[in-house]
Amino acid sequence: MPKQFLSIHEDRTLFQYCLTGLAGNSSFLPPDIICSQDHRFVVQDQIQAISVGVGNIVLEPMGRNTGPAVAIGALLAAEQDPDTVVAVLPSDTLVGDPRALHKALQEAATAAQSGTIAVLGVKPDRPETGFGYIELEEPLDDRGECYAVRSFVEKPNLEVAKRLLKTGRHLWNCGIFVFSAKQAIDAFETLAPNLIEQARKSLFSGSRSAGLVTLNESEMAKTPSVSFDNAVLERHSNLAVSELQTTWNDLGSWQSVASISETDVQGNTTIGDVISIDVSSSYLRSEGPVLAALGLKNILVVATEDSVLVTDINHTQKVRDLVSLMSKENRTEHLVARTAYRPWGHYKELDRGPGFRVKLVHVKPDGALSLQRHHHRSEHWVIVSGVAKVTRGEDVFELRQDESTFIPKMTKHRLENPSKEPLNLIEVQTGPILEESDIERFSDVYGRIG
């Protein structure tokens, strides 16, 4: 699950923070969302949960970095008006004060209307090695609201970061861009013509229905995978910077999460079922089992359903090295979570072993799994709460709490929730192959056939 869809901070996901941070300002049109096709239903569910209005939801059949995504956003905006001012915001960062964001966007929009491409920056408060930097030139106007760009600095090492901090001329690059749709398209045409051409083909040979824009997969596969920074921004001659005057964090490491979290008198952050003795300046988070800590200082512990991370709090940028090691050892914990999200709800794996697998299945109100069968496994369903409508072969019937049914392998079946309350059941699978690939679908309300 990408970090923008997780409730890392307080009770909303970063994606929801991004949307609510834009809501309520009449200057902004409902935003278009560009996301992976795999995350379509997560995006729709999270939008619905906070009741905000959006424009199009653009579905990418594969990831191609931010360059093609920005190009497609500009092309969509230009369909309405080529002079429309477009703001591009990543949904995996946390902005402290939405009003400061609105102000910086308005300043950047003024610069964009004069033909520049603007980027938002934040004054650094520490020598951060995980962010890119922007070096400022002179102000573009008497008010000093926007500055010209002298150079971009990729993520520096610690010594360089310390030097950049001392100059007072560098801002962190927030990855927030503002431009007119026409200006962006012209920049792509000049600096990345193949990218904009393939983005255009992906968009116009795709499909559109009820606010969903599905890009053409074969054309998208031919589109260069490159960031907007590399494709355009760092090569463009007419740039401006607007300073975002509030706290900003891309939460790119657990240390950055800890830095914005509330602490107790010992300097500790504790989340979930945690007990501790003689612990100070530490971040302790449990998303399941009790976490017991003793005699620690400057330590970060994160316990999830299937893994536990323990590290010095200053080494969290190196978590990617652990992930690389897990990949080399053919482990799967970094690829597959115990909880898997589907358009109809989600399931959590409770246990598995040779020849068996146990799940807790949650089906949303009015949710329906596909009509399907399995070639290698049988299933036992026990209803925990709610009402289940079951199709098993030619039979259709309802099950309620404490009732159960058996689905032999090769039997066509479907599970539905016909009520307005969630449905929860325990599913016990038995057989030689228990993977999700052993599903043959015959009909599906979400369009997943095969």
Protein backbone atom coordinates (compact mmCIF):
# COMPACT_ATOMS: atom_id res chain seq x y z
CA MET A 1 0.00 0.00 0.00
CA PRO A 2 1.68 3.28 -1.05
CA LYS A 3 2.25 5.67 1.83
CA GLN A 4 -0.25 8.25 0.55
CA PHE A 5 -3.08 5.81 1.23
CA LEU A 6 -1.99 5.05 4.81
CA SER A 7 -3.05 6.82 8.01
CA ILE A 8 0.52 7.54 9.05
CA HIS A 9 -0.41 10.81 10.77
CA GLU A 10 -3.59 11.16 12.84
CA ASP A 11 -6.89 9.89 11.44
CA ARG A 12 -6.64 10.66 7.71
CA THR A 13 -4.42 9.38 4.96
CA LEU A 14 -1.94 11.69 3.24
CA PHE A 15 -4.09 11.53 0.09
CA GLN A 16 -7.09 12.72 2.10
CA TYR A 17 -5.01 15.49 3.70
CA CYS A 18 -4.04 16.68 0.22
CA LEU A 19 -7.66 16.82 -0.93
CA THR A 20 -9.04 18.50 2.19
CA GLY A 21 -6.18 21.01 2.09
CA LEU A 22 -7.51 22.25 -1.26
CA ALA A 23 -11.18 22.14 -0.33
CA GLY A 24 -13.07 25.29 0.53
CA ASN A 25 -11.13 27.65 -1.75
CA SER A 26 -13.38 28.96 -4.52
CA SER A 27 -10.34 29.76 -6.68
CA PHE A 28 -9.66 26.06 -7.20
CA LEU A 29 -11.61 23.80 -9.53
CA PRO A 30 -12.23 20.21 -8.36
CA PRO A 31 -8.88 18.43 -8.81
CA ASP A 32 -8.14 15.68 -11.30
CA ILE A 33 -6.58 12.60 -9.72
CA ILE A 34 -3.92 10.62 -11.59
CA CYS A 35 -3.25 7.20 -10.09
CA SER A 36 -2.43 3.59 -10.83
CA GLN A 37 -5.26 1.48 -12.22
CA ASP A 38 -4.58 -0.90 -9.32
CA HIS A 39 -5.52 1.84 -6.84
CA ARG A 40 -8.75 2.95 -8.51
CA PHE A 41 -11.06 1.61 -5.81
CA VAL A 42 -8.85 2.72 -2.91
CA VAL A 43 -8.89 6.24 -4.37
CA GLN A 44 -12.65 6.21 -4.82
CA ASP A 45 -13.24 4.87 -1.31
CA GLN A 46 -10.98 7.48 0.30
CA ILE A 47 -12.59 10.30 -1.66
CA GLN A 48 -16.04 9.11 -0.63
CA ALA A 49 -14.99 8.85 3.03
CA ILE A 50 -14.23 12.60 3.24
CA SER A 51 -17.00 13.79 0.89
CA VAL A 52 -14.95 16.08 -1.35
CA GLY A 53 -15.62 16.83 -5.00
CA VAL A 54 -13.09 15.82 -7.65
CA GLY A 55 -12.86 16.08 -11.43
CA ASN A 56 -11.51 13.20 -13.50
CA ILE A 57 -9.84 10.14 -12.08
CA VAL A 58 -7.12 9.17 -14.57
CA LEU A 59 -6.04 5.52 -14.42
CA GLU A 60 -2.47 4.64 -15.42
CA PRO A 61 -2.06 1.01 -16.55
CA MET A 62 1.59 1.20 -15.45
CA GLY A 63 3.85 3.63 -13.64
CA ARG A 64 5.85 6.03 -15.81
CA ASN A 65 7.09 8.53 -13.20
CA THR A 66 5.81 12.11 -12.90
CA GLY A 67 6.72 13.37 -16.39
CA PRO A 68 3.92 11.59 -18.29
CA ALA A 69 1.46 12.21 -15.44
CA VAL A 70 2.09 15.97 -15.57
CA ALA A 71 1.83 15.96 -19.36
CA ILE A 72 -1.52 14.17 -19.25
CA GLY A 73 -2.80 16.57 -16.60
CA ALA A 74 -1.84 19.53 -18.78
CA LEU A 75 -3.49 17.98 -21.85
CA LEU A 76 -6.74 17.42 -19.94
CA ALA A 77 -6.73 21.00 -18.63
CA ALA A 78 -6.04 22.37 -22.12
CA GLU A 79 -9.19 20.67 -23.41
CA GLN A 80 -11.19 23.15 -21.33
CA ASP A 81 -8.94 26.19 -21.78
CA PRO A 82 -5.26 26.27 -22.86
CA ASP A 83 -4.70 29.27 -20.58
CA THR A 84 -5.97 27.43 -17.49
CA VAL A 85 -3.45 27.62 -14.65
CA VAL A 86 -2.63 24.13 -13.39
CA ALA A 87 -1.15 23.18 -10.01
CA VAL A 88 0.47 19.76 -9.65
CA LEU A 89 0.58 18.44 -6.09
CA PRO A 90 2.02 15.14 -4.87
CA SER A 91 -0.41 13.40 -2.53
CA ASP A 92 2.21 11.86 -0.24
CA THR A 93 3.39 14.99 1.60
CA LEU A 94 2.04 16.85 4.61
CA VAL A 95 1.52 20.64 4.50
CA GLY A 96 1.06 22.26 7.89
CA ASP A 97 -1.21 25.23 7.09
CA PRO A 98 -3.52 24.96 4.05
CA ARG A 99 -3.92 28.75 4.00
CA ALA A 100 -0.18 29.15 3.48
CA LEU A 101 -0.40 26.64 0.63
CA HIS A 102 -3.25 28.62 -0.97
CA LYS A 103 -1.21 31.84 -0.71
CA ALA A 104 1.90 30.27 -2.27
CA LEU A 105 -0.18 28.74 -5.07
CA GLN A 106 -1.80 32.11 -5.84
CA GLU A 107 1.63 33.77 -6.00
CA ALA A 108 2.88 31.02 -8.27
CA ALA A 109 -0.24 31.34 -10.43
CA THR A 110 0.49 35.03 -10.96
CA ALA A 111 3.97 34.12 -12.17
CA ALA A 112 2.56 31.35 -14.36
CA GLN A 113 0.17 33.78 -16.06
CA SER A 114 3.22 35.74 -17.23
CA GLY A 115 4.60 32.65 -18.98
CA THR A 116 6.87 31.07 -16.37
CA ILE A 117 6.78 27.62 -14.82
CA ALA A 118 6.71 28.00 -11.05
CA VAL A 119 7.76 25.59 -8.33
CA LEU A 120 7.08 25.81 -4.59
CA GLY A 121 9.94 25.64 -2.10
CA VAL A 122 10.23 25.53 1.71
CA LYS A 123 12.94 27.15 3.82
CA PRO A 124 15.05 24.31 5.28
CA ASP A 125 15.41 24.06 9.06
CA ARG A 126 18.03 21.31 9.06
CA PRO A 127 20.67 19.82 6.73
CA GLU A 128 18.33 17.25 5.17
CA THR A 129 19.84 14.69 2.80
CA GLY A 130 16.53 13.21 1.68
CA PHE A 131 15.22 16.28 -0.21
CA GLY A 132 16.26 18.15 -3.34
CA TYR A 133 17.13 21.86 -3.11
CA ILE A 134 16.50 24.96 -5.24
CA GLU A 135 19.03 27.81 -5.33
CA LEU A 136 17.39 31.23 -5.57
CA GLU A 137 18.28 34.16 -7.81
CA GLU A 138 16.94 37.70 -7.41
CA PRO A 139 13.21 38.43 -6.78
CA LEU A 140 11.11 38.63 -9.94
CA ASP A 141 9.11 41.62 -8.65
CA ASP A 142 9.26 44.37 -6.03
CA ARG A 143 7.11 42.38 -3.61
CA GLY A 144 9.63 39.53 -3.45
CA GLU A 145 6.91 36.90 -3.66
CA CYS A 146 8.59 34.90 -6.41
CA TYR A 147 12.26 34.38 -7.20
CA ALA A 148 14.15 33.30 -10.28
CA VAL A 149 15.89 29.92 -10.15
CA ARG A 150 19.67 29.73 -10.29
CA SER A 151 20.06 25.94 -10.03
CA PHE A 152 18.67 22.67 -8.72
CA VAL A 153 20.60 20.41 -6.34
CA GLU A 154 19.81 16.70 -6.19
CA LYS A 155 19.62 15.02 -2.77
CA PRO A 156 23.01 16.02 -1.29
CA ASN A 157 25.26 14.26 1.18
CA LEU A 158 25.39 15.62 4.71
CA GLU A 159 28.36 17.96 4.21
CA VAL A 160 26.80 19.56 1.12
CA ALA A 161 23.44 19.84 2.90
CA LYS A 162 25.09 21.71 5.77
CA ARG A 163 26.71 24.11 3.30
CA LEU A 164 23.43 24.74 1.47
CA LEU A 165 21.69 25.46 4.77
CA LYS A 166 24.25 28.13 5.68
CA THR A 167 23.89 30.07 2.41
CA GLY A 168 20.31 31.12 3.11
CA ARG A 169 19.70 31.01 -0.67
CA HIS A 170 18.33 27.47 -0.89
CA LEU A 171 14.84 26.04 -0.42
CA TRP A 172 13.69 22.46 -0.28
CA ASN A 173 11.98 21.43 -3.51
CA CYS A 174 8.38 20.48 -2.61
CA GLY A 175 7.60 18.91 -5.96
CA ILE A 176 4.61 21.27 -6.37
CA PHE A 177 4.48 22.90 -9.83
CA VAL A 178 2.29 25.66 -11.25
CA PHE A 179 1.96 26.60 -14.93
CA SER A 180 -0.54 27.35 -17.63
CA ALA A 181 -1.62 24.25 -19.54
CA LYS A 182 -0.33 25.73 -22.80
CA GLN A 183 3.03 26.69 -21.26
CA ALA A 184 3.57 23.13 -20.00
CA ILE A 185 2.59 21.54 -23.31
CA ASP A 186 4.92 23.91 -25.21
CA ALA A 187 7.75 23.06 -22.80
CA PHE A 188 7.21 19.34 -23.35
CA GLU A 189 7.07 19.85 -27.12
CA THR A 190 10.47 21.57 -27.00
CA LEU A 191 12.29 19.57 -24.33
CA ALA A 192 10.61 16.13 -24.37
CA PRO A 193 8.71 15.79 -27.66
CA ASN A 194 8.54 11.99 -27.60
CA LEU A 195 7.10 12.03 -24.09
CA ILE A 196 4.28 14.47 -24.88
CA GLU A 197 3.47 12.65 -28.13
CA GLN A 198 3.12 9.31 -26.37
CA ALA A 199 1.19 10.89 -23.50
CA ARG A 200 -1.19 12.39 -26.04
CA LYS A 201 -1.68 9.01 -27.74
CA SER A 202 -2.20 7.30 -24.38
CA LEU A 203 -4.89 9.81 -23.46
CA PHE A 204 -6.76 10.15 -26.73
CA SER A 205 -6.76 6.45 -27.61
CA GLY A 206 -7.88 5.50 -24.11
CA SER A 207 -11.44 5.40 -22.83
CA ARG A 208 -13.61 7.76 -20.80
CA SER A 209 -16.70 6.99 -18.80
CA ALA A 210 -18.44 8.73 -15.88
CA GLY A 211 -15.41 10.70 -14.73
CA LEU A 212 -12.96 7.83 -15.25
CA VAL A 213 -10.20 8.27 -17.84
CA THR A 214 -8.38 5.02 -18.63
CA LEU A 215 -5.13 5.47 -20.54
CA ASN A 216 -4.26 3.20 -23.45
CA GLU A 217 -1.94 0.48 -22.15
CA SER A 218 0.05 -0.20 -25.31
CA GLU A 219 0.70 3.51 -25.91
CA MET A 220 1.55 4.07 -22.25
CA ALA A 221 4.11 1.27 -22.44
CA LYS A 222 5.96 3.27 -25.13
CA THR A 223 6.01 6.45 -23.02
CA PRO A 224 9.42 7.33 -21.50
CA SER A 225 9.59 6.86 -17.74
CA VAL A 226 11.08 10.11 -16.46
CA SER A 227 10.34 12.68 -13.78
CA PHE A 228 8.95 16.10 -14.65
CA ASP A 229 12.03 17.62 -12.98
CA ASN A 230 14.42 15.79 -15.32
CA ALA A 231 12.29 16.05 -18.45
CA VAL A 232 11.41 19.75 -18.23
CA LEU A 233 12.05 21.67 -15.05
CA GLU A 234 15.84 21.39 -14.81
CA ARG A 235 16.21 22.26 -18.53
CA HIS A 236 13.72 25.13 -18.73
CA SER A 237 14.98 28.69 -19.01
CA ASN A 238 12.00 30.55 -17.52
CA LEU A 239 11.38 29.36 -13.96
CA ALA A 240 10.14 30.94 -10.76
CA VAL A 241 10.01 29.87 -7.11
CA SER A 242 7.24 30.70 -4.66
CA GLU A 243 8.05 30.10 -0.99
CA LEU A 244 5.65 27.93 0.98
CA GLN A 245 5.74 29.53 4.41
CA THR A 246 4.59 26.69 6.64
CA THR A 247 5.79 23.33 7.81
CA TRP A 248 6.15 20.72 5.09
CA ASN A 249 7.24 17.11 5.26
CA ASP A 250 7.32 14.40 2.62
CA LEU A 251 7.35 11.71 5.34
CA GLY A 252 9.97 9.86 3.35
CA SER A 253 11.35 8.05 6.39
CA TRP A 254 10.18 6.94 9.81
CA GLN A 255 12.44 9.61 11.30
CA SER A 256 10.44 12.28 9.48
CA VAL A 257 7.21 10.72 10.79
CA ALA A 258 8.64 10.81 14.29
CA SER A 259 9.61 14.47 13.88
CA ILE A 260 5.96 15.56 13.50
CA SER A 261 4.53 13.25 16.17
CA GLU A 262 3.53 14.26 19.68
CA THR A 263 5.92 13.16 22.43
CA ASP A 264 5.64 12.58 26.17
CA VAL A 265 7.91 14.04 28.87
CA GLN A 266 10.58 11.44 28.05
CA GLY A 267 10.53 12.47 24.39
CA ASN A 268 8.80 9.27 23.30
CA THR A 269 6.03 8.74 20.78
CA THR A 270 3.91 5.67 21.51
CA ILE A 271 1.17 4.50 19.15
CA GLY A 272 -0.91 1.36 19.60
CA ASP A 273 -0.47 -1.29 22.28
CA VAL A 274 2.86 -0.19 23.80
CA ILE A 275 4.37 -0.52 27.28
CA SER A 276 7.83 0.79 28.14
CA ILE A 277 10.27 1.28 31.03
CA ASP A 278 13.39 3.49 30.98
CA VAL A 279 12.86 4.52 27.35
CA SER A 280 13.63 8.01 26.03
CA SER A 281 13.69 9.90 22.71
CA SER A 282 12.20 6.92 20.89
CA TYR A 283 9.34 6.16 18.51
CA LEU A 284 7.35 3.03 19.37
CA ARG A 285 4.46 1.99 17.13
CA SER A 286 2.45 -1.22 17.10
CA GLU A 287 -0.25 -2.06 14.58
CA GLY A 288 -1.08 -5.38 16.20
CA PRO A 289 0.88 -7.21 18.94
CA VAL A 290 1.81 -5.69 22.29
CA LEU A 291 5.15 -3.89 21.96
CA ALA A 292 7.22 -4.03 25.16
CA ALA A 293 10.37 -1.87 25.30
CA LEU A 294 13.01 -1.68 28.03
CA GLY A 295 16.08 0.54 28.43
CA LEU A 296 16.12 2.20 24.99
CA LYS A 297 17.23 5.62 23.74
CA ASN A 298 16.94 7.09 20.23
CA ILE A 299 15.41 3.84 18.96
CA LEU A 300 12.58 3.37 16.50
CA VAL A 301 10.41 0.25 16.62
CA VAL A 302 7.51 -0.34 14.22
CA ALA A 303 5.57 -3.59 14.61
CA THR A 304 3.07 -4.45 11.87
CA GLU A 305 1.04 -7.60 11.24
CA ASP A 306 3.89 -9.48 9.57
CA SER A 307 7.15 -7.63 10.29
CA VAL A 308 9.00 -5.68 12.98
CA LEU A 309 11.52 -2.91 12.25
CA VAL A 310 14.08 -1.98 14.90
CA THR A 311 16.64 0.74 14.16
CA ASP A 312 18.52 3.68 15.58
CA ILE A 313 16.21 6.60 14.85
CA ASN A 314 18.95 8.33 12.84
CA HIS A 315 19.34 5.40 10.42
CA THR A 316 15.80 5.23 9.04
CA GLN A 317 16.87 6.55 5.62
CA LYS A 318 18.63 3.19 5.16
CA VAL A 319 15.45 1.11 5.38
CA ARG A 320 15.62 0.78 1.60
CA ASP A 321 18.82 -1.22 2.09
CA LEU A 322 16.88 -3.73 4.19
CA VAL A 323 14.24 -3.95 1.47
CA SER A 324 16.93 -4.65 -1.12
CA LEU A 325 18.34 -7.41 1.07
CA MET A 326 14.88 -8.95 1.50
CA SER A 327 14.43 -8.91 -2.27
CA LYS A 328 17.78 -10.65 -2.79
CA GLU A 329 16.71 -13.34 -0.32
CA ASN A 330 13.43 -13.84 -2.23
CA ARG A 331 11.28 -12.75 0.70
CA THR A 332 7.78 -11.40 0.06
CA GLU A 333 6.94 -9.34 3.17
CA HIS A 334 7.95 -6.10 1.40
CA LEU A 335 5.69 -6.94 -1.57
CA VAL A 336 2.54 -8.47 -0.11
CA ALA A 337 0.75 -7.19 3.00
CA ARG A 338 -1.36 -9.33 5.30
CA THR A 339 -4.30 -7.05 4.46
CA ALA A 340 -5.18 -6.90 0.75
CA TYR A 341 -7.62 -4.30 -0.57
CA ARG A 342 -10.15 -5.07 -3.28
CA PRO A 343 -12.99 -3.04 -4.88
CA TRP A 344 -15.54 -4.96 -2.77
CA GLY A 345 -13.65 -4.54 0.53
CA HIS A 346 -10.57 -6.28 1.90
CA TYR A 347 -9.26 -9.47 3.42
CA LYS A 348 -6.64 -10.19 6.06
CA GLU A 349 -4.58 -13.36 6.14
CA LEU A 350 -4.78 -14.84 9.64
CA ASP A 351 -2.74 -18.01 9.17
CA ARG A 352 -1.39 -20.36 6.54
CA GLY A 353 0.58 -23.57 6.28
CA PRO A 354 0.99 -26.60 4.00
CA GLY A 355 -2.36 -27.16 2.33
CA PHE A 356 -4.37 -24.51 4.22
CA ARG A 357 -4.90 -20.74 4.41
CA VAL A 358 -7.21 -18.77 6.74
CA LYS A 359 -8.61 -15.30 5.94
CA LEU A 360 -10.87 -12.74 7.59
CA VAL A 361 -12.94 -11.33 4.71
CA HIS A 362 -14.68 -7.94 4.93
CA VAL A 363 -17.27 -7.08 2.26
CA LYS A 364 -18.59 -3.51 2.06
CA PRO A 365 -22.35 -2.82 1.99
CA ASP A 366 -23.65 -3.68 -1.50
CA GLY A 367 -20.21 -5.15 -2.35
CA ALA A 368 -19.97 -8.26 -4.52
CA LEU A 369 -17.13 -10.59 -5.38
CA SER A 370 -16.94 -11.96 -8.91
CA LEU A 371 -18.69 -15.12 -10.06
CA GLN A 372 -15.66 -17.42 -10.01
CA ARG A 373 -14.27 -20.86 -9.44
CA HIS A 374 -10.99 -22.36 -8.28
CA HIS A 375 -9.19 -25.25 -9.91
CA HIS A 376 -7.05 -26.29 -6.97
CA ARG A 377 -8.75 -25.30 -3.72
CA SER A 378 -11.98 -25.67 -1.75
CA GLU A 379 -13.33 -23.07 0.66
CA HIS A 380 -15.29 -23.09 3.94
CA TRP A 381 -17.11 -19.85 4.86
CA VAL A 382 -18.28 -19.06 8.40
CA ILE A 383 -20.28 -15.84 8.85
CA VAL A 384 -19.06 -13.70 11.75
CA SER A 385 -21.38 -10.70 11.28
CA GLY A 386 -23.75 -9.30 8.65
CA VAL A 387 -25.68 -11.02 5.89
CA ALA A 388 -24.13 -12.98 3.02
CA LYS A 389 -25.84 -13.76 -0.26
CA VAL A 390 -24.17 -16.90 -1.60
CA THR A 391 -24.25 -18.34 -5.10
CA ARG A 392 -22.99 -21.95 -5.09
CA GLY A 393 -23.48 -23.79 -8.36
CA GLU A 394 -27.20 -23.49 -9.17
CA ASP A 395 -28.16 -22.60 -5.58
CA VAL A 396 -28.60 -19.04 -4.27
CA PHE A 397 -29.19 -18.54 -0.53
CA GLU A 398 -28.47 -16.26 2.42
CA LEU A 399 -26.29 -16.90 5.46
CA ARG A 400 -26.21 -15.04 8.75
CA GLN A 401 -24.05 -14.99 11.89
CA ASP A 402 -22.81 -18.46 12.97
CA GLU A 403 -23.99 -20.09 9.73
CA SER A 404 -21.57 -21.62 7.23
CA THR A 405 -21.20 -23.23 3.81
CA PHE A 406 -18.67 -25.31 1.86
CA ILE A 407 -17.51 -24.48 -1.70
CA PRO A 408 -15.89 -27.50 -3.40
CA LYS A 409 -13.17 -26.83 -5.95
CA MET A 410 -14.36 -26.32 -9.56
CA THR A 411 -17.73 -25.02 -8.27
CA LYS A 412 -18.88 -21.66 -9.60
CA HIS A 413 -19.62 -19.34 -6.69
CA ARG A 414 -20.14 -15.73 -5.70
CA LEU A 415 -20.25 -13.87 -2.37
CA GLU A 416 -22.35 -10.69 -2.03
CA ASN A 417 -23.35 -8.34 0.76
CA PRO A 418 -26.98 -7.35 0.09
CA SER A 419 -27.32 -5.30 3.30
CA LYS A 420 -26.32 -1.81 4.41
CA GLU A 421 -24.04 -3.21 7.12
CA PRO A 422 -20.55 -4.67 6.62
CA LEU A 423 -20.23 -8.42 6.12
CA ASN A 424 -17.41 -10.27 7.91
CA LEU A 425 -16.61 -13.96 7.54
CA ILE A 426 -13.83 -16.45 8.15
CA GLU A 427 -12.66 -18.25 5.00
CA VAL A 428 -10.67 -21.47 5.34
CA GLN A 429 -9.01 -22.61 2.10
CA THR A 430 -7.68 -26.13 1.60
CA GLY A 431 -5.81 -27.54 -1.37
CA PRO A 432 -2.40 -27.80 -3.03
CA ILE A 433 -2.44 -24.27 -4.54
CA LEU A 434 -3.80 -21.39 -2.43
CA GLU A 435 -2.62 -18.32 -4.34
CA GLU A 436 -4.84 -15.55 -5.74
CA SER A 437 -3.83 -16.62 -9.25
CA ASP A 438 -6.14 -19.64 -8.88
CA ILE A 439 -9.24 -17.59 -9.72
CA GLU A 440 -11.23 -17.98 -12.94
CA ARG A 441 -13.79 -15.19 -13.23
CA PHE A 442 -16.98 -15.47 -15.30
CA SER A 443 -18.68 -12.14 -14.45
CA ASP A 444 -17.73 -9.20 -12.28
CA VAL A 445 -19.40 -5.87 -11.49
CA TYR A 446 -15.94 -4.24 -11.40
CA GLY A 447 -14.92 -5.42 -14.87
CA ARG A 448 -12.32 -8.00 -13.77
CA ILE A 449 -12.80 -10.97 -16.07
CA GLY A 450 -10.46 -13.92 -16.64
